[in-house]
PDB file of N, CA and C in Angstrom:
ATOM      1  N   UNK A   1     -61.443   1.366  15.931  1.00  0.00           N
ATOM      2  CA  UNK A   1     -62.154  -0.266  15.804  1.00  0.00           C
ATOM      3  C   UNK A   1     -61.733  -1.023  15.487  1.00  0.00           C
ATOM      4  N   UNK A   2     -60.863  -1.262  15.075  1.00  0.00           N
ATOM      5  CA  UNK A   2     -60.299  -2.984  14.932  1.00  0.00           C
ATOM      6  C   UNK A   2     -59.537  -3.156  16.957  1.00  0.00           C
ATOM      7  N   UNK A   3     -58.653  -2.729  17.039  1.00  0.00           N
ATOM      8  CA  UNK A   3     -58.360  -2.360  18.702  1.00  0.00           C
ATOM      9  C   UNK A   3     -59.588  -2.365  19.479  1.00  0.00           C
ATOM     10  N   UNK A   4     -60.595  -1.578  19.723  1.00  0.00           N
ATOM     11  CA  UNK A   4     -62.052  -1.478  20.664  1.00  0.00           C
ATOM     12  C   UNK A   4     -62.372  -2.807  20.123  1.00  0.00           C
ATOM     13  N   UNK A   5     -62.757  -3.006  19.342  1.00  0.00           N
ATOM     14  CA  UNK A   5     -63.179  -4.676  18.770  1.00  0.00           C
ATOM     15  C   UNK A   5     -62.830  -5.562  19.854  1.00  0.00           C
ATOM     16  N   UNK A   6     -61.374  -5.237  19.232  1.00  0.00           N
ATOM     17  CA  UNK A   6     -60.328  -6.926  19.989  1.00  0.00           C
ATOM     18  C   UNK A   6     -60.532  -6.221  21.912  1.00  0.00           C
ATOM     19  N   UNK A   7     -60.483  -5.589  22.230  1.00  0.00           N
ATOM     20  CA  UNK A   7     -60.110  -4.777  23.560  1.00  0.00           C
ATOM     21  C   UNK A   7     -61.980  -5.347  24.528  1.00  0.00           C
ATOM     22  N   UNK A   8     -63.021  -4.974  23.472  1.00  0.00           N
ATOM     23  CA  UNK A   8     -64.104  -5.387  23.919  1.00  0.00           C
ATOM     24  C   UNK A   8     -64.359  -7.257  24.072  1.00  0.00           C
ATOM     25  N   UNK A   9     -63.939  -7.564  23.242  1.00  0.00           N
ATOM     26  CA  UNK A   9     -63.990  -9.131  23.271  1.00  0.00           C
ATOM     27  C   UNK A   9     -62.833  -9.758  24.024  1.00  0.00           C
ATOM     28  N   UNK A  10     -61.724  -9.407  23.859  1.00  0.00           N
ATOM     29  CA  UNK A  10     -61.474  -9.947  25.597  1.00  0.00           C
ATOM     30  C   UNK A  10     -61.610  -9.445  26.656  1.00  0.00           C
ATOM     31  N   UNK A  11     -62.385  -8.647  27.014  1.00  0.00           N
ATOM     32  CA  UNK A  11     -62.953  -8.221  28.592  1.00  0.00           C
ATOM     33  C   UNK A  11     -64.062  -9.680  28.456  1.00  0.00           C
ATOM     34  N   UNK A  12     -64.984  -9.762  27.248  1.00  0.00           N
ATOM     35  CA  UNK A  12     -66.039 -10.149  27.414  1.00  0.00           C
ATOM     36  C   UNK A  12     -65.413 -11.787  27.962  1.00  0.00           C
ATOM     37  N   UNK A  13     -63.871 -12.336  27.194  1.00  0.00           N
ATOM     38  CA  UNK A  13     -63.778 -13.425  27.144  1.00  0.00           C
ATOM     39  C   UNK A  13     -63.603 -13.478  28.625  1.00  0.00           C
ATOM     40  N   UNK A  14     -62.470 -12.661  29.277  1.00  0.00           N
ATOM     41  CA  UNK A  14     -62.219 -12.658  30.719  1.00  0.00           C
ATOM     42  C   UNK A  14     -63.734 -12.181  32.011  1.00  0.00           C
ATOM     43  N   UNK A  15     -64.386 -11.978  31.084  1.00  0.00           N
ATOM     44  CA  UNK A  15     -65.602 -11.804  32.040  1.00  0.00           C
ATOM     45  C   UNK A  15     -66.361 -13.543  32.304  1.00  0.00           C
ATOM     46  N   UNK A  16     -66.310 -14.127  30.935  1.00  0.00           N
ATOM     47  CA  UNK A  16     -66.670 -15.285  30.539  1.00  0.00           C
ATOM     48  C   UNK A  16     -65.719 -16.670  31.743  1.00  0.00           C
ATOM     49  N   UNK A  17     -64.339 -16.277  31.709  1.00  0.00           N
ATOM     50  CA  UNK A  17     -63.735 -17.346  32.142  1.00  0.00           C
ATOM     51  C   UNK A  17     -63.704 -17.273  33.293  1.00  0.00           C
ATOM     52  N   UNK A  18     -63.987 -16.163  34.326  1.00  0.00           N
ATOM     53  CA  UNK A  18     -63.771 -15.570  35.713  1.00  0.00           C
ATOM     54  C   UNK A  18     -65.029 -16.777  36.148  1.00  0.00           C
ATOM     55  N   UNK A  19     -66.495 -16.486  35.464  1.00  0.00           N
ATOM     56  CA  UNK A  19     -67.684 -17.178  35.869  1.00  0.00           C
ATOM     57  C   UNK A  19     -67.351 -18.695  36.260  1.00  0.00           C
ATOM     58  N   UNK A  20     -66.419 -19.311  35.658  1.00  0.00           N
ATOM     59  CA  UNK A  20     -66.157 -20.996  35.306  1.00  0.00           C
ATOM     60  C   UNK A  20     -65.534 -21.299  37.000  1.00  0.00           C
ATOM     61  N   UNK A  21     -64.495 -20.128  37.450  1.00  0.00           N
ATOM     62  CA  UNK A  21     -63.944 -20.475  38.869  1.00  0.00           C
ATOM     63  C   UNK A  21     -64.345 -19.719  39.772  1.00  0.00           C
ATOM     64  N   UNK A  22     -64.246 -20.439  41.342  1.00  0.00           N
ATOM     65  CA  UNK A  22     -64.550 -20.427  42.890  1.00  0.00           C
ATOM     66  C   UNK A  22     -63.478 -19.107  43.244  1.00  0.00           C
ATOM     67  N   UNK A  23     -62.133 -19.819  42.397  1.00  0.00           N
ATOM     68  CA  UNK A  23     -60.905 -19.061  43.137  1.00  0.00           C
ATOM     69  C   UNK A  23     -60.701 -18.124  41.974  1.00  0.00           C
ATOM     70  N   UNK A  24     -60.375 -16.773  42.575  1.00  0.00           N
ATOM     71  CA  UNK A  24     -59.248 -16.159  41.590  1.00  0.00           C
ATOM     72  C   UNK A  24     -57.934 -16.057  40.789  1.00  0.00           C
ATOM     73  N   UNK A  25     -57.581 -16.893  41.860  1.00  0.00           N
ATOM     74  CA  UNK A  25     -55.780 -17.556  41.733  1.00  0.00           C
ATOM     75  C   UNK A  25     -56.264 -19.010  40.253  1.00  0.00           C
ATOM     76  N   UNK A  26     -57.328 -19.506  40.657  1.00  0.00           N
ATOM     77  CA  UNK A  26     -57.164 -20.635  39.703  1.00  0.00           C
ATOM     78  C   UNK A  26     -58.005 -20.010  38.017  1.00  0.00           C
ATOM     79  N   UNK A  27     -58.899 -19.390  38.623  1.00  0.00           N
ATOM     80  CA  UNK A  27     -59.440 -18.085  36.915  1.00  0.00           C
ATOM     81  C   UNK A  27     -58.092 -17.354  35.787  1.00  0.00           C
ATOM     82  N   UNK A  28     -56.728 -17.252  36.755  1.00  0.00           N
ATOM     83  CA  UNK A  28     -56.149 -16.174  36.482  1.00  0.00           C
ATOM     84  C   UNK A  28     -55.740 -16.700  35.869  1.00  0.00           C
ATOM     85  N   UNK A  29     -55.347 -17.823  36.702  1.00  0.00           N
ATOM     86  CA  UNK A  29     -53.700 -18.741  35.785  1.00  0.00           C
ATOM     87  C   UNK A  29     -54.021 -19.421  34.473  1.00  0.00           C
ATOM     88  N   UNK A  30     -55.762 -20.116  34.269  1.00  0.00           N
ATOM     89  CA  UNK A  30     -56.579 -20.754  33.231  1.00  0.00           C
ATOM     90  C   UNK A  30     -56.989 -19.906  32.539  1.00  0.00           C
ATOM     91  N   UNK A  31     -57.223 -18.855  32.480  1.00  0.00           N
ATOM     92  CA  UNK A  31     -57.843 -17.866  31.480  1.00  0.00           C
ATOM     93  C   UNK A  31     -56.331 -16.819  31.082  1.00  0.00           C
ATOM     94  N   UNK A  32     -55.383 -17.123  31.507  1.00  0.00           N
ATOM     95  CA  UNK A  32     -53.924 -16.965  30.580  1.00  0.00           C
ATOM     96  C   UNK A  32     -53.512 -17.917  29.394  1.00  0.00           C
ATOM     97  N   UNK A  33     -53.676 -19.343  30.526  1.00  0.00           N
ATOM     98  CA  UNK A  33     -53.334 -20.053  29.674  1.00  0.00           C
ATOM     99  C   UNK A  33     -54.276 -20.425  28.271  1.00  0.00           C
ATOM    100  N   UNK A  34     -55.668 -20.086  28.314  1.00  0.00           N
ATOM    101  CA  UNK A  34     -56.273 -20.188  26.968  1.00  0.00           C
ATOM    102  C   UNK A  34     -56.227 -19.347  26.492  1.00  0.00           C
ATOM    103  N   UNK A  35     -55.815 -17.896  26.793  1.00  0.00           N
ATOM    104  CA  UNK A  35     -55.966 -16.469  26.104  1.00  0.00           C
ATOM    105  C   UNK A  35     -54.836 -17.405  25.597  1.00  0.00           C
ATOM    106  N   UNK A  36     -53.860 -17.559  25.646  1.00  0.00           N
ATOM    107  CA  UNK A  36     -52.142 -17.804  24.772  1.00  0.00           C
ATOM    108  C   UNK A  36     -52.551 -18.976  23.545  1.00  0.00           C
ATOM    109  N   UNK A  37     -53.499 -19.906  23.864  1.00  0.00           N
ATOM    110  CA  UNK A  37     -54.090 -20.769  23.306  1.00  0.00           C
ATOM    111  C   UNK A  37     -54.829 -20.750  21.896  1.00  0.00           C
ATOM    112  N   UNK A  38     -55.121 -19.376  22.032  1.00  0.00           N
ATOM    113  CA  UNK A  38     -55.958 -18.826  20.879  1.00  0.00           C
ATOM    114  C   UNK A  38     -54.787 -18.602  19.492  1.00  0.00           C
ATOM    115  N   UNK A  39     -53.374 -17.956  20.357  1.00  0.00           N
ATOM    116  CA  UNK A  39     -52.565 -18.206  19.134  1.00  0.00           C
ATOM    117  C   UNK A  39     -52.354 -19.691  18.739  1.00  0.00           C
ATOM    118  N   UNK A  40     -52.136 -20.277  19.857  1.00  0.00           N
ATOM    119  CA  UNK A  40     -52.491 -21.725  19.367  1.00  0.00           C
ATOM    120  C   UNK A  40     -53.090 -22.024  17.697  1.00  0.00           C
ATOM    121  N   UNK A  41     -54.336 -21.752  18.472  1.00  0.00           N
ATOM    122  CA  UNK A  41     -55.529 -22.197  17.586  1.00  0.00           C
ATOM    123  C   UNK A  41     -54.997 -21.481  16.317  1.00  0.00           C
ATOM    124  N   UNK A  42     -54.618 -19.975  16.037  1.00  0.00           N
ATOM    125  CA  UNK A  42     -54.028 -19.311  14.681  1.00  0.00           C
ATOM    126  C   UNK A  42     -53.442 -20.059  13.988  1.00  0.00           C
ATOM    127  N   UNK A  43     -52.332 -20.708  14.830  1.00  0.00           N
ATOM    128  CA  UNK A  43     -51.169 -21.189  13.740  1.00  0.00           C
ATOM    129  C   UNK A  43     -51.554 -22.832  13.487  1.00  0.00           C
ATOM    130  N   UNK A  44     -52.514 -23.477  14.366  1.00  0.00           N
ATOM    131  CA  UNK A  44     -52.910 -24.529  13.741  1.00  0.00           C
ATOM    132  C   UNK A  44     -54.045 -24.038  12.120  1.00  0.00           C
ATOM    133  N   UNK A  45     -54.524 -23.709  12.363  1.00  0.00           N
ATOM    134  CA  UNK A  45     -55.700 -23.453  11.143  1.00  0.00           C
ATOM    135  C   UNK A  45     -54.991 -22.137  10.185  1.00  0.00           C
ATOM    136  N   UNK A  46     -53.759 -21.980  10.622  1.00  0.00           N
ATOM    137  CA  UNK A  46     -53.089 -20.817   9.611  1.00  0.00           C
ATOM    138  C   UNK A  46     -51.685 -21.974   8.567  1.00  0.00           C
ATOM    139  N   UNK A  47     -51.612 -22.783   9.137  1.00  0.00           N
ATOM    140  CA  UNK A  47     -50.494 -24.022   8.800  1.00  0.00           C
ATOM    141  C   UNK A  47     -50.560 -24.630   7.858  1.00  0.00           C
ATOM    142  N   UNK A  48     -51.675 -24.958   7.121  1.00  0.00           N
ATOM    143  CA  UNK A  48     -52.406 -24.980   5.519  1.00  0.00           C
ATOM    144  C   UNK A  48     -51.625 -23.962   4.801  1.00  0.00           C
ATOM    145  N   UNK A  49     -51.886 -24.903   3.299  1.00  0.00           N
ATOM    146  CA  UNK A  49     -51.220 -23.589   1.860  1.00  0.00           C
ATOM    147  C   UNK A  49     -52.947 -23.307   1.705  1.00  0.00           C
ATOM    148  N   UNK A  50     -53.742 -23.011   1.986  1.00  0.00           N
ATOM    149  CA  UNK A  50     -55.312 -23.107   1.551  1.00  0.00           C
ATOM    150  C   UNK A  50     -55.944 -22.722   2.908  1.00  0.00           C
ATOM    151  N   UNK A  51     -56.729 -21.642   3.364  1.00  0.00           N
ATOM    152  CA  UNK A  51     -57.245 -21.319   4.972  1.00  0.00           C
ATOM    153  C   UNK A  51     -58.702 -21.246   4.266  1.00  0.00           C
ATOM    154  N   UNK A  52     -60.094 -22.438   4.808  1.00  0.00           N
ATOM    155  CA  UNK A  52     -61.441 -22.484   4.170  1.00  0.00           C
ATOM    156  C   UNK A  52     -61.714 -21.014   5.325  1.00  0.00           C
ATOM    157  N   UNK A  53     -62.734 -20.196   4.379  1.00  0.00           N
ATOM    158  CA  UNK A  53     -63.682 -19.542   5.508  1.00  0.00           C
ATOM    159  C   UNK A  53     -64.364 -20.317   6.423  1.00  0.00           C
ATOM    160  N   UNK A  54     -64.708 -20.935   6.685  1.00  0.00           N
ATOM    161  CA  UNK A  54     -65.713 -22.054   7.799  1.00  0.00           C
ATOM    162  C   UNK A  54     -64.138 -22.013   9.193  1.00  0.00           C
ATOM    163  N   UNK A  55     -63.099 -22.332   9.007  1.00  0.00           N
ATOM    164  CA  UNK A  55     -61.769 -22.556   9.222  1.00  0.00           C
ATOM    165  C   UNK A  55     -61.698 -21.199  10.323  1.00  0.00           C
ATOM    166  N   UNK A  56     -61.679 -20.408   9.160  1.00  0.00           N
ATOM    167  CA  UNK A  56     -61.505 -19.049  10.479  1.00  0.00           C
ATOM    168  C   UNK A  56     -62.425 -18.658  10.663  1.00  0.00           C
ATOM    169  N   UNK A  57     -64.022 -18.499  10.675  1.00  0.00           N
ATOM    170  CA  UNK A  57     -64.654 -18.177  10.663  1.00  0.00           C
ATOM    171  C   UNK A  57     -64.863 -18.598  12.674  1.00  0.00           C
ATOM    172  N   UNK A  58     -64.602 -20.009  12.395  1.00  0.00           N
ATOM    173  CA  UNK A  58     -64.797 -21.518  13.980  1.00  0.00           C
ATOM    174  C   UNK A  58     -63.500 -20.541  14.746  1.00  0.00           C
ATOM    175  N   UNK A  59     -62.167 -20.198  13.997  1.00  0.00           N
ATOM    176  CA  UNK A  59     -61.518 -19.953  15.012  1.00  0.00           C
ATOM    177  C   UNK A  59     -61.145 -18.207  15.970  1.00  0.00           C
ATOM    178  N   UNK A  60     -62.222 -17.739  14.782  1.00  0.00           N
ATOM    179  CA  UNK A  60     -62.432 -16.233  15.216  1.00  0.00           C
ATOM    180  C   UNK A  60     -63.038 -16.149  17.185  1.00  0.00           C
ATOM    181  N   UNK A  61     -63.862 -16.989  16.615  1.00  0.00           N
ATOM    182  CA  UNK A  61     -64.740 -17.464  18.422  1.00  0.00           C
ATOM    183  C   UNK A  61     -63.590 -16.491  19.683  1.00  0.00           C
ATOM    184  N   UNK A  62     -62.709 -17.292  19.270  1.00  0.00           N
ATOM    185  CA  UNK A  62     -61.481 -17.051  20.444  1.00  0.00           C
ATOM    186  C   UNK A  62     -60.453 -15.865  20.053  1.00  0.00           C
ATOM    187  N   UNK A  63     -61.084 -14.098  21.043  1.00  0.00           N
ATOM    188  CA  UNK A  63     -60.434 -13.611  20.406  1.00  0.00           C
ATOM    189  C   UNK A  63     -58.982 -12.709  20.066  1.00  0.00           C
ATOM    190  N   UNK A  64     -58.193 -13.959  20.543  1.00  0.00           N
ATOM    191  CA  UNK A  64     -56.763 -13.649  20.092  1.00  0.00           C
ATOM    192  C   UNK A  64     -56.846 -14.636  18.886  1.00  0.00           C
ATOM    193  N   UNK A  65     -56.729 -15.943  18.283  1.00  0.00           N
ATOM    194  CA  UNK A  65     -56.979 -16.158  16.825  1.00  0.00           C
ATOM    195  C   UNK A  65     -57.946 -14.769  15.876  1.00  0.00           C
ATOM    196  N   UNK A  66     -58.833 -13.963  15.932  1.00  0.00           N
ATOM    197  CA  UNK A  66     -59.447 -13.358  15.031  1.00  0.00           C
ATOM    198  C   UNK A  66     -58.623 -12.175  15.795  1.00  0.00           C
ATOM    199  N   UNK A  67     -58.113 -11.609  16.601  1.00  0.00           N
ATOM    200  CA  UNK A  67     -56.781 -10.791  16.018  1.00  0.00           C
ATOM    201  C   UNK A  67     -56.042 -10.867  15.567  1.00  0.00           C
ATOM    202  N   UNK A  68     -55.209 -12.011  15.301  1.00  0.00           N
ATOM    203  CA  UNK A  68     -53.790 -12.671  14.453  1.00  0.00           C
ATOM    204  C   UNK A  68     -55.153 -12.573  12.870  1.00  0.00           C
ATOM    205  N   UNK A  69     -55.831 -12.935  12.915  1.00  0.00           N
ATOM    206  CA  UNK A  69     -56.290 -12.978  11.340  1.00  0.00           C
ATOM    207  C   UNK A  69     -56.493 -11.793  10.701  1.00  0.00           C
ATOM    208  N   UNK A  70     -56.698 -10.555  11.806  1.00  0.00           N
ATOM    209  CA  UNK A  70     -57.051  -9.433  11.110  1.00  0.00           C
ATOM    210  C   UNK A  70     -55.725  -9.133  11.015  1.00  0.00           C
ATOM    211  N   UNK A  71     -54.784  -8.942  11.516  1.00  0.00           N
ATOM    212  CA  UNK A  71     -53.504  -8.529  11.706  1.00  0.00           C
ATOM    213  C   UNK A  71     -52.494  -8.836  10.237  1.00  0.00           C
ATOM    214  N   UNK A  72     -53.235 -10.474  10.385  1.00  0.00           N
ATOM    215  CA  UNK A  72     -52.780 -10.679   8.662  1.00  0.00           C
ATOM    216  C   UNK A  72     -53.414  -9.970   7.330  1.00  0.00           C
ATOM    217  N   UNK A  73     -54.498 -10.085   8.089  1.00  0.00           N
ATOM    218  CA  UNK A  73     -54.833  -8.928   6.511  1.00  0.00           C
ATOM    219  C   UNK A  73     -54.521  -7.942   7.102  1.00  0.00           C
ATOM    220  N   UNK A  74     -54.362  -7.613   7.558  1.00  0.00           N
ATOM    221  CA  UNK A  74     -53.905  -5.803   7.398  1.00  0.00           C
ATOM    222  C   UNK A  74     -52.439  -5.993   7.089  1.00  0.00           C
ATOM    223  N   UNK A  75     -51.920  -6.733   7.185  1.00  0.00           N
ATOM    224  CA  UNK A  75     -50.016  -6.849   6.952  1.00  0.00           C
ATOM    225  C   UNK A  75     -50.661  -7.256   4.937  1.00  0.00           C
ATOM    226  N   UNK A  76     -51.188  -7.975   4.698  1.00  0.00           N
ATOM    227  CA  UNK A  76     -51.757  -8.439   3.128  1.00  0.00           C
ATOM    228  C   UNK A  76     -51.621  -6.848   2.427  1.00  0.00           C
ATOM    229  N   UNK A  77     -52.527  -6.204   3.000  1.00  0.00           N
ATOM    230  CA  UNK A  77     -53.214  -4.836   1.896  1.00  0.00           C
ATOM    231  C   UNK A  77     -52.088  -3.924   2.414  1.00  0.00           C
ATOM    232  N   UNK A  78     -51.123  -4.009   3.757  1.00  0.00           N
ATOM    233  CA  UNK A  78     -50.407  -2.886   3.240  1.00  0.00           C
ATOM    234  C   UNK A  78     -48.863  -3.609   2.353  1.00  0.00           C
ATOM    235  N   UNK A  79     -48.314  -4.322   3.237  1.00  0.00           N
ATOM    236  CA  UNK A  79     -47.948  -5.105   2.078  1.00  0.00           C
ATOM    237  C   UNK A  79     -47.613  -4.814   0.479  1.00  0.00           C
ATOM    238  N   UNK A  80     -48.804  -4.920   0.027  1.00  0.00           N
ATOM    239  CA  UNK A  80     -49.012  -4.260  -1.484  1.00  0.00           C
ATOM    240  C   UNK A  80     -49.445  -2.852  -1.767  1.00  0.00           C
ATOM    241  N   UNK A  81     -49.313  -2.029  -0.510  1.00  0.00           N
ATOM    242  CA  UNK A  81     -48.831  -0.695  -1.112  1.00  0.00           C
ATOM    243  C   UNK A  81     -50.479  -0.090  -1.639  1.00  0.00           C
ATOM    244  N   UNK A  82     -51.417  -1.076  -0.193  1.00  0.00           N
ATOM    245  CA  UNK A  82     -52.770  -0.672  -0.709  1.00  0.00           C
ATOM    246  C   UNK A  82     -53.660   0.033   0.256  1.00  0.00           C
ATOM    247  N   UNK A  83     -53.167  -0.585   1.286  1.00  0.00           N
ATOM    248  CA  UNK A  83     -54.029  -0.087   3.121  1.00  0.00           C
ATOM    249  C   UNK A  83     -55.778  -0.735   3.113  1.00  0.00           C
ATOM    250  N   UNK A  84     -55.706  -0.356   3.692  1.00  0.00           N
ATOM    251  CA  UNK A  84     -57.539  -0.937   4.559  1.00  0.00           C
ATOM    252  C   UNK A  84     -58.461   0.520   3.925  1.00  0.00           C
ATOM    253  N   UNK A  85     -58.726   0.968   2.985  1.00  0.00           N
ATOM    254  CA  UNK A  85     -60.021   2.020   2.835  1.00  0.00           C
ATOM    255  C   UNK A  85     -61.006   1.352   2.959  1.00  0.00           C
ATOM    256  N   UNK A  86     -61.942   2.715   2.439  1.00  0.00           N
ATOM    257  CA  UNK A  86     -63.723   2.680   2.137  1.00  0.00           C
ATOM    258  C   UNK A  86     -63.966   0.989   0.940  1.00  0.00           C
ATOM    259  N   UNK A  87     -62.675   1.505   0.267  1.00  0.00           N
ATOM    260  CA  UNK A  87     -63.051   1.056  -1.267  1.00  0.00           C
ATOM    261  C   UNK A  87     -62.600  -1.087  -1.185  1.00  0.00           C
ATOM    262  N   UNK A  88     -61.762  -0.957   0.073  1.00  0.00           N
ATOM    263  CA  UNK A  88     -60.662  -2.193   0.117  1.00  0.00           C
ATOM    264  C   UNK A  88     -61.704  -3.298   1.737  1.00  0.00           C
ATOM    265  N   UNK A  89     -62.493  -2.725   2.198  1.00  0.00           N
ATOM    266  CA  UNK A  89     -63.306  -2.422   3.501  1.00  0.00           C
ATOM    267  C   UNK A  89     -63.761  -4.017   3.015  1.00  0.00           C
ATOM    268  N   UNK A  90     -64.717  -3.964   2.052  1.00  0.00           N
ATOM    269  CA  UNK A  90     -65.301  -5.785   1.919  1.00  0.00           C
ATOM    270  C   UNK A  90     -64.776  -6.285   0.867  1.00  0.00           C
ATOM    271  N   UNK A  91     -63.499  -6.349   0.855  1.00  0.00           N
ATOM    272  CA  UNK A  91     -63.245  -7.101  -0.846  1.00  0.00           C
ATOM    273  C   UNK A  91     -62.026  -8.251   0.240  1.00  0.00           C
ATOM    274  N   UNK A  92     -62.519  -9.587  -0.305  1.00  0.00           N
ATOM    275  CA  UNK A  92     -62.018 -10.770   0.146  1.00  0.00           C
ATOM    276  C   UNK A  92     -60.387 -10.209  -0.095  1.00  0.00           C
ATOM    277  N   UNK A  93     -59.403 -11.091   0.946  1.00  0.00           N
ATOM    278  CA  UNK A  93     -57.786 -10.919   1.137  1.00  0.00           C
ATOM    279  C   UNK A  93     -57.610 -12.315   0.388  1.00  0.00           C
ATOM    280  N   UNK A  94     -56.227 -12.555  -0.165  1.00  0.00           N
ATOM    281  CA  UNK A  94     -55.969 -13.917  -0.410  1.00  0.00           C
ATOM    282  C   UNK A  94     -55.623 -14.961  -0.115  1.00  0.00           C
ATOM    283  N   UNK A  95     -55.142 -13.910   1.635  1.00  0.00           N
ATOM    284  CA  UNK A  95     -54.691 -15.207   2.747  1.00  0.00           C
ATOM    285  C   UNK A  95     -55.476 -15.639   3.349  1.00  0.00           C
ATOM    286  N   UNK A  96     -56.400 -15.045   3.602  1.00  0.00           N
ATOM    287  CA  UNK A  96     -57.643 -14.651   4.732  1.00  0.00           C
ATOM    288  C   UNK A  96     -58.933 -14.526   3.429  1.00  0.00           C
ATOM    289  N   UNK A  97     -59.854 -15.521   4.145  1.00  0.00           N
ATOM    290  CA  UNK A  97     -60.990 -15.441   2.519  1.00  0.00           C
ATOM    291  C   UNK A  97     -62.522 -15.000   3.864  1.00  0.00           C
ATOM    292  N   UNK A  98     -62.076 -13.718   4.454  1.00  0.00           N
ATOM    293  CA  UNK A  98     -63.301 -13.413   4.960  1.00  0.00           C
ATOM    294  C   UNK A  98     -62.666 -11.823   5.113  1.00  0.00           C
ATOM    295  N   UNK A  99     -63.334 -10.903   4.840  1.00  0.00           N
ATOM    296  CA  UNK A  99     -63.942  -9.787   4.657  1.00  0.00           C
ATOM    297  C   UNK A  99     -63.840  -8.842   5.716  1.00  0.00           C
ATOM    298  N   UNK A 100     -63.260  -7.197   6.556  1.00  0.00           N
ATOM    299  CA  UNK A 100     -63.926  -7.023   7.284  1.00  0.00           C
ATOM    300  C   UNK A 100     -64.951  -6.868   7.933  1.00  0.00           C
TER     301      UNK A 100
END
């Protein structure tokens, strides 16, 4: 489910970027740069000690940043030897104040 959602968000992002350009080469170059800029968005939001819920939700509009925040939540649960289960699906983590 997690990877399928990321896949669908990335495809939607690519279709959106392709509508902004007339030439395929320009769309490919700018699209790749903007996609990798999502990781910079994640680093910028995650830089502080306390992450606000509104900052996470705002950054999660970009599919790459949302993927990073979800991976951070997975990492938190797996490091605590809990894992993502039906019981932990709706609880908020310490590092990211958003539940799945």
